[in-house]
Amino acid sequence: MPDQDSPRADADAGRIELVLLDVGGPIYDDTAYRDALLRATRELAAEQGKQVAEDDFQRVYDERRQAQGGSLRTAIAERFLSAEQRQQLSDRAEKYWVYPPSALHSDVLPVLRRLSGRYKLAVVANQRAVVVDALRRDGVADFIDIWAVSEVVGAEKPDPAIFEHALREAGVDPGRAVHVGNRLDTDVRGARRVGLRTVWVVRGEAPPEPTPEQLAEPDVAVFSLAELPDALDRLQGDS
């Protein structure tokens, strides 16, 4: 066993064993949820004799993306419906929230092939259980070792419980795990509270124009999943 003060011991201390992956954004295009939420908003507004212009909806959606804090569904309900209809909006949007095969980002499967065998891979996502069917259909599930889907676990990010579930299932300490997500509030900040390192994928519900302060929050920020293998190497000091 190497001495604790040796260079080899220092390197081992930073090794990554587990990579946790969000679904919406890193794996699938977030447009699928955006479109489901717009459809639900329009239907509920129509029941009150109101119309919702797509440009107005997009403006509120982008404001929440840029802020990286606060509930998108609450903001949409308050702007176009009423605060009391937030849960109704959420429930109806979930009826339409499906990922077609075309929503899978083209960089996902090539990256998972590179990571598989080097790391344990987990899905940690605020999703309905049926998302696993889409991940199986599209070949993603073939690479996943641990599942932490909010509807099954009973906790949503940024609740520590969903991250802790994945760590417990993998048998990996937080210091040897990295969470990969596209939101600062639920993904980056949630994972850091548990002691995980973080990679921020700046697409989907990430800000339209990320600020320097936002880009500094995660351990690493990337703009495609294709950058993830090199990002993981940098995090653990590999050349």
Protein backbone atom coordinates (compact mmCIF):
# COMPACT_ATOMS: atom_id res chain seq x y z
CA MET A 1 0.00 0.00 0.00
CA PRO A 2 1.48 3.42 -0.93
CA ASP A 3 2.31 5.90 1.78
CA GLN A 4 -0.52 8.39 2.36
CA ASP A 5 1.80 11.27 1.55
CA SER A 6 3.09 9.76 -1.70
CA PRO A 7 2.18 11.21 -5.12
CA ARG A 8 0.36 7.96 -5.94
CA ALA A 9 -1.80 8.29 -2.83
CA ASP A 10 -2.65 11.90 -3.68
CA ALA A 11 -3.67 10.85 -7.18
CA ASP A 12 -5.78 7.98 -5.89
CA ALA A 13 -7.60 10.36 -3.54
CA GLY A 14 -9.00 12.21 -6.55
CA ARG A 15 -10.03 9.16 -8.58
CA ILE A 16 -13.57 9.05 -9.93
CA GLU A 17 -15.47 5.78 -9.73
CA LEU A 18 -19.06 6.89 -10.39
CA VAL A 19 -20.55 9.31 -12.94
CA LEU A 20 -24.13 10.43 -12.30
CA LEU A 21 -26.06 11.70 -15.33
CA ASP A 22 -29.12 13.89 -15.56
CA VAL A 23 -31.55 12.97 -18.37
CA GLY A 24 -33.19 16.18 -19.62
CA GLY A 25 -30.45 18.31 -21.17
CA PRO A 26 -27.38 16.07 -21.08
CA ILE A 27 -29.09 13.03 -22.68
CA TYR A 28 -32.33 14.28 -24.24
CA ASP A 29 -33.21 17.64 -25.75
CA ASP A 30 -35.13 19.68 -23.17
CA THR A 31 -37.41 20.96 -25.93
CA ALA A 32 -39.60 17.90 -25.27
CA TYR A 33 -40.53 19.21 -21.81
CA ARG A 34 -40.78 22.80 -22.98
CA ASP A 35 -43.30 21.77 -25.65
CA ALA A 36 -45.30 19.69 -23.17
CA LEU A 37 -45.46 22.60 -20.74
CA LEU A 38 -46.55 25.01 -23.49
CA ARG A 39 -49.31 22.65 -24.61
CA ALA A 40 -50.58 22.23 -21.06
CA THR A 41 -50.46 25.98 -20.44
CA ARG A 42 -52.41 26.73 -23.58
CA GLU A 43 -55.06 24.13 -22.78
CA LEU A 44 -55.62 25.37 -19.24
CA ALA A 45 -55.67 28.99 -20.40
CA ALA A 46 -58.20 28.13 -23.12
CA GLU A 47 -60.50 26.67 -20.48
CA GLN A 48 -60.57 30.19 -19.01
CA GLY A 49 -61.12 31.83 -22.39
CA LYS A 50 -57.52 33.04 -22.66
CA GLN A 51 -54.80 32.57 -25.25
CA VAL A 52 -51.07 32.16 -24.68
CA ALA A 53 -48.71 33.44 -27.35
CA GLU A 54 -45.64 31.24 -27.84
CA ASP A 55 -43.34 34.27 -27.77
CA ASP A 56 -44.71 35.31 -24.36
CA PHE A 57 -44.32 31.78 -23.04
CA GLN A 58 -40.75 31.57 -24.36
CA ARG A 59 -39.88 34.85 -22.66
CA VAL A 60 -40.87 33.52 -19.22
CA TYR A 61 -39.17 30.19 -19.95
CA ASP A 62 -35.91 31.90 -20.89
CA GLU A 63 -36.05 34.20 -17.85
CA ARG A 64 -36.20 31.15 -15.56
CA ARG A 65 -33.41 29.47 -17.50
CA GLN A 66 -31.22 32.55 -17.13
CA ALA A 67 -31.94 32.90 -13.40
CA GLN A 68 -31.19 29.23 -12.62
CA GLY A 69 -33.39 29.44 -9.59
CA GLY A 70 -37.07 29.32 -8.79
CA SER A 71 -39.69 26.98 -10.20
CA LEU A 72 -40.37 27.21 -13.93
CA ARG A 73 -43.83 25.71 -13.49
CA THR A 74 -44.68 28.24 -10.76
CA ALA A 75 -43.52 31.14 -12.96
CA ILE A 76 -45.57 29.90 -15.92
CA ALA A 77 -48.67 29.33 -13.78
CA GLU A 78 -48.44 32.76 -12.16
CA ARG A 79 -47.95 34.51 -15.50
CA PHE A 80 -50.59 32.77 -17.61
CA LEU A 81 -52.94 30.99 -15.19
CA SER A 82 -52.94 31.35 -11.41
CA ALA A 83 -50.59 30.33 -8.63
CA GLU A 84 -53.19 27.81 -7.43
CA GLN A 85 -53.01 26.00 -10.78
CA ARG A 86 -49.31 25.17 -10.52
CA GLN A 87 -49.90 21.52 -9.63
CA GLN A 88 -52.64 21.18 -12.23
CA LEU A 89 -50.24 22.57 -14.84
CA SER A 90 -47.50 20.21 -13.73
CA ASP A 91 -49.77 17.17 -13.86
CA ARG A 92 -51.11 17.99 -17.31
CA ALA A 93 -47.66 18.74 -18.73
CA GLU A 94 -46.44 15.35 -17.54
CA LYS A 95 -49.15 13.67 -19.63
CA TYR A 96 -47.52 15.10 -22.77
CA TRP A 97 -43.89 14.81 -21.65
CA VAL A 98 -42.33 12.11 -23.78
CA TYR A 99 -38.96 11.85 -25.48
CA PRO A 100 -39.14 10.73 -29.12
CA PRO A 101 -36.04 8.99 -30.52
CA SER A 102 -35.13 12.23 -32.29
CA ALA A 103 -34.70 13.96 -28.90
CA LEU A 104 -31.60 11.90 -28.07
CA HIS A 105 -28.51 14.09 -28.47
CA SER A 106 -26.14 12.67 -31.07
CA ASP A 107 -23.14 12.81 -28.72
CA VAL A 108 -24.69 10.61 -26.00
CA LEU A 109 -24.10 7.04 -27.15
CA PRO A 110 -20.52 7.62 -28.38
CA VAL A 111 -19.63 9.17 -25.01
CA LEU A 112 -21.29 6.41 -23.00
CA ARG A 113 -19.29 3.83 -24.97
CA ARG A 114 -16.09 5.66 -23.98
CA LEU A 115 -17.07 5.90 -20.32
CA SER A 116 -18.46 2.40 -19.91
CA GLY A 117 -15.99 0.13 -18.20
CA ARG A 118 -13.95 3.05 -16.88
CA TYR A 119 -16.68 4.26 -14.50
CA LYS A 120 -19.92 3.09 -12.97
CA LEU A 121 -22.69 5.08 -14.62
CA ALA A 122 -25.90 6.23 -12.94
CA VAL A 123 -29.00 8.10 -14.03
CA VAL A 124 -30.14 10.67 -11.46
CA ALA A 125 -33.14 12.54 -12.81
CA ASN A 126 -36.34 14.32 -11.87
CA GLN A 127 -38.49 12.19 -14.14
CA ARG A 128 -41.41 9.81 -14.27
CA ALA A 129 -40.53 6.13 -14.18
CA VAL A 130 -41.56 5.72 -17.83
CA VAL A 131 -38.43 7.61 -18.90
CA VAL A 132 -36.57 4.32 -18.47
CA ASP A 133 -38.59 2.92 -21.39
CA ALA A 134 -37.26 5.66 -23.67
CA LEU A 135 -33.71 5.12 -22.42
CA ARG A 136 -34.02 1.41 -23.16
CA ARG A 137 -35.48 2.05 -26.61
CA ASP A 138 -32.62 4.38 -27.52
CA GLY A 139 -29.80 2.19 -26.23
CA VAL A 140 -28.85 4.40 -23.29
CA ALA A 141 -29.96 1.93 -20.62
CA ASP A 142 -27.42 -0.61 -21.86
CA PHE A 143 -24.68 1.52 -20.26
CA ILE A 144 -26.43 2.41 -16.99
CA ASP A 145 -25.51 0.55 -13.80
CA ILE A 146 -27.57 2.48 -11.22
CA TRP A 147 -30.98 4.11 -11.46
CA ALA A 148 -32.21 7.02 -9.36
CA VAL A 149 -35.41 8.29 -10.99
CA SER A 150 -37.36 10.67 -8.78
CA GLU A 151 -40.77 9.01 -9.16
CA VAL A 152 -39.25 5.72 -8.01
CA VAL A 153 -36.90 7.06 -5.32
CA GLY A 154 -39.50 9.44 -3.89
CA ALA A 155 -37.20 12.47 -3.88
CA GLU A 156 -36.32 15.12 -6.45
CA LYS A 157 -33.09 17.02 -6.97
CA PRO A 158 -31.80 19.07 -5.21
CA ASP A 159 -32.94 16.86 -2.31
CA PRO A 160 -29.82 15.06 -1.04
CA ALA A 161 -31.82 11.83 -0.79
CA ILE A 162 -31.83 11.18 -4.53
CA PHE A 163 -28.05 11.61 -4.82
CA GLU A 164 -27.50 9.53 -1.69
CA HIS A 165 -29.66 6.77 -3.14
CA ALA A 166 -27.42 6.52 -6.21
CA LEU A 167 -24.26 6.58 -4.10
CA ARG A 168 -25.61 3.88 -1.80
CA GLU A 169 -26.66 1.66 -4.71
CA ALA A 170 -23.23 2.08 -6.30
CA GLY A 171 -21.32 1.61 -3.04
CA VAL A 172 -19.26 4.73 -3.79
CA ASP A 173 -18.28 7.60 -1.49
CA PRO A 174 -19.33 11.12 -2.56
CA GLY A 175 -15.71 12.18 -3.00
CA ARG A 176 -15.29 9.60 -5.75
CA ALA A 177 -18.39 10.62 -7.70
CA VAL A 178 -19.25 13.33 -10.21
CA HIS A 179 -22.71 14.58 -11.14
CA VAL A 180 -23.33 15.75 -14.71
CA GLY A 181 -26.35 18.02 -15.22
CA ASN A 182 -27.54 21.13 -17.00
CA ARG A 183 -29.08 23.12 -14.15
CA LEU A 184 -27.20 25.01 -11.47
CA ASP A 185 -30.01 25.00 -8.91
CA THR A 186 -31.02 21.35 -8.94
CA ASP A 187 -27.91 19.67 -10.38
CA VAL A 188 -24.75 21.58 -9.49
CA ARG A 189 -25.80 23.05 -6.15
CA GLY A 190 -27.72 19.95 -5.12
CA ALA A 191 -24.81 17.62 -5.86
CA ARG A 192 -22.24 19.83 -4.17
CA ARG A 193 -24.25 19.78 -0.93
CA VAL A 194 -23.73 16.03 -0.85
CA GLY A 195 -20.00 16.34 -1.54
CA LEU A 196 -19.97 15.38 -5.22
CA ARG A 197 -17.88 17.06 -7.86
CA THR A 198 -19.89 18.60 -10.70
CA VAL A 199 -19.85 18.98 -14.46
CA TRP A 200 -22.30 21.52 -15.88
CA VAL A 201 -23.54 20.79 -19.41
CA VAL A 202 -24.54 24.19 -20.77
CA ARG A 203 -27.49 23.28 -22.98
CA GLY A 204 -31.23 22.77 -22.63
CA GLU A 205 -32.48 24.46 -19.47
CA ALA A 206 -29.07 26.01 -18.84
CA PRO A 207 -29.04 29.82 -19.27
CA PRO A 208 -29.29 31.23 -22.81
CA GLU A 209 -26.34 33.47 -21.90
CA PRO A 210 -24.37 32.02 -18.97
CA THR A 211 -22.53 34.61 -16.91
CA PRO A 212 -18.92 34.26 -15.73
CA GLU A 213 -20.25 33.78 -12.21
CA GLN A 214 -22.51 30.94 -13.33
CA LEU A 215 -19.74 29.27 -15.31
CA ALA A 216 -17.54 29.39 -12.19
CA GLU A 217 -20.02 27.47 -10.00
CA PRO A 218 -19.38 23.90 -11.22
CA ASP A 219 -16.00 22.22 -11.10
CA VAL A 220 -16.10 22.09 -14.90
CA ALA A 221 -18.47 23.57 -17.49
CA VAL A 222 -18.84 21.94 -20.92
CA PHE A 223 -21.00 22.80 -23.90
CA SER A 224 -21.56 19.28 -25.20
CA LEU A 225 -21.42 15.80 -23.76
CA ALA A 226 -18.56 15.05 -26.14
CA GLU A 227 -16.36 17.12 -23.82
CA LEU A 228 -17.20 14.98 -20.78
CA PRO A 229 -14.45 12.32 -20.99
CA ASP A 230 -11.73 14.98 -21.08
CA ALA A 231 -13.48 16.91 -18.30
CA LEU A 232 -13.44 13.82 -16.08
CA ASP A 233 -9.73 13.33 -16.81
CA ARG A 234 -9.05 16.93 -15.75
CA LEU A 235 -11.03 16.52 -12.55
CA GLN A 236 -8.87 13.61 -11.43
CA GLY A 237 -5.59 15.05 -12.66
CA ASP A 238 -5.05 12.76 -15.64
CA SER A 239 -2.90 14.13 -18.44
